């Protein structure tokens, strides 16, 4: 099982429409990926390493898949559609990391 994390850096000038992301963008992804998507978790950063420090990431979404191949096969055909929607909710580029769940 793998986890694909999309992490949005908490820049000084970040704009992020949480409601749009939660109620429009993520449901679009869920519908497009269908049964290939095994789970999703959306979190908002509230703090950093020391008290009062801002979180390094404003928002993170984790998507779970059986394998990298399943992720690529299900996500790839929709990648352009997902990317085209980004300006509707943020002005920062998300960083992507693929991890193996242990």
Protein backbone atom coordinates (compact mmCIF):
# COMPACT_ATOMS: atom_id res chain seq x y z
CA UNK A 1 0.00 0.00 0.00
CA UNK A 2 1.26 3.50 -0.83
CA UNK A 3 0.35 7.00 0.22
CA UNK A 4 0.53 9.96 -2.13
CA UNK A 5 0.85 13.19 -0.16
CA UNK A 6 0.18 16.58 -1.70
CA UNK A 7 1.55 19.24 0.62
CA UNK A 8 0.85 22.95 0.18
CA UNK A 9 3.69 25.12 1.60
CA UNK A 10 2.60 27.73 4.12
CA UNK A 11 4.07 30.72 2.30
CA UNK A 12 3.69 34.31 3.50
CA UNK A 13 1.27 35.14 0.66
CA UNK A 14 -0.70 31.88 0.51
CA UNK A 15 -4.33 31.98 -0.51
CA UNK A 16 -6.20 28.73 0.08
CA UNK A 17 -9.98 28.29 -0.18
CA UNK A 18 -10.54 25.47 2.29
CA UNK A 19 -14.26 25.12 1.55
CA UNK A 20 -13.72 24.87 -2.21
CA UNK A 21 -10.94 22.34 -1.76
CA UNK A 22 -12.95 20.23 0.69
CA UNK A 23 -16.32 20.45 -1.06
CA UNK A 24 -15.39 20.62 -4.76
CA UNK A 25 -11.79 19.64 -5.54
CA UNK A 26 -11.49 16.56 -3.31
CA UNK A 27 -14.89 15.13 -4.34
CA UNK A 28 -13.85 15.58 -7.99
CA UNK A 29 -10.70 13.55 -7.32
CA UNK A 30 -12.62 10.88 -5.42
CA UNK A 31 -15.11 10.47 -8.28
CA UNK A 32 -12.42 10.37 -10.96
CA UNK A 33 -10.21 7.82 -9.18
CA UNK A 34 -13.07 5.49 -8.26
CA UNK A 35 -12.16 2.19 -6.61
CA UNK A 36 -8.43 2.76 -7.15
CA UNK A 37 -8.51 5.25 -4.27
CA UNK A 38 -8.42 3.26 -1.02
CA UNK A 39 -8.54 6.18 1.38
CA UNK A 40 -8.10 9.92 1.77
CA UNK A 41 -7.21 12.23 4.65
CA UNK A 42 -7.18 16.03 4.53
CA UNK A 43 -5.46 18.02 7.29
CA UNK A 44 -4.67 21.68 7.97
CA UNK A 45 -1.39 22.70 9.60
CA UNK A 46 -1.77 24.47 12.93
CA UNK A 47 1.78 24.74 14.21
CA UNK A 48 5.43 23.97 13.76
CA UNK A 49 8.21 22.47 15.86
CA UNK A 50 8.25 25.17 18.52
CA UNK A 51 5.32 26.98 20.17
CA UNK A 52 4.10 29.89 18.09
CA UNK A 53 5.85 28.74 14.91
CA UNK A 54 3.61 28.41 11.87
CA UNK A 55 3.18 24.98 10.29
CA UNK A 56 5.50 24.33 7.33
CA UNK A 57 2.49 23.21 5.29
CA UNK A 58 -0.86 24.98 5.22
CA UNK A 59 -2.69 21.86 4.04
CA UNK A 60 -1.87 18.24 3.26
CA UNK A 61 -3.97 15.60 1.57
CA UNK A 62 -2.99 11.94 1.67
CA UNK A 63 -4.35 9.55 -0.96
CA UNK A 64 -3.94 5.80 -0.51
CA UNK A 65 -3.51 3.27 -3.33
CA UNK A 66 -2.56 -0.39 -3.59
CA UNK A 67 0.61 0.44 -5.57
CA UNK A 68 2.46 3.10 -7.52
CA UNK A 69 1.26 1.47 -10.75
CA UNK A 70 -2.38 1.74 -9.63
CA UNK A 71 -1.84 5.38 -8.66
CA UNK A 72 -0.26 6.22 -12.01
CA UNK A 73 -2.91 4.37 -14.03
CA UNK A 74 -5.83 5.98 -12.19
CA UNK A 75 -4.44 9.49 -11.63
CA UNK A 76 -2.58 10.02 -14.91
CA UNK A 77 -5.61 10.31 -17.21
CA UNK A 78 -7.06 13.04 -14.95
CA UNK A 79 -3.88 14.91 -14.00
CA UNK A 80 -4.50 17.80 -16.41
CA UNK A 81 -8.06 18.26 -15.12
CA UNK A 82 -6.89 18.23 -11.50
CA UNK A 83 -4.09 20.71 -12.28
CA UNK A 84 -6.47 23.04 -14.13
CA UNK A 85 -8.59 23.31 -10.98
CA UNK A 86 -5.71 24.42 -8.71
CA UNK A 87 -6.16 28.19 -9.37
CA UNK A 88 -9.73 27.85 -8.07
CA UNK A 89 -8.48 27.17 -4.54
CA UNK A 90 -4.83 28.26 -4.13
CA UNK A 91 -1.97 30.34 -5.43
CA UNK A 92 0.81 27.94 -4.33
CA UNK A 93 2.11 24.79 -5.99
CA UNK A 94 1.63 21.61 -4.01
CA UNK A 95 4.61 19.36 -3.37
CA UNK A 96 4.02 15.65 -4.04
CA UNK A 97 5.58 12.72 -2.23
CA UNK A 98 4.91 9.01 -2.71
CA UNK A 99 5.53 6.89 0.38
CA UNK A 100 5.26 3.20 1.18
CA UNK A 101 3.04 2.38 4.14
CA UNK A 102 4.78 0.03 6.54
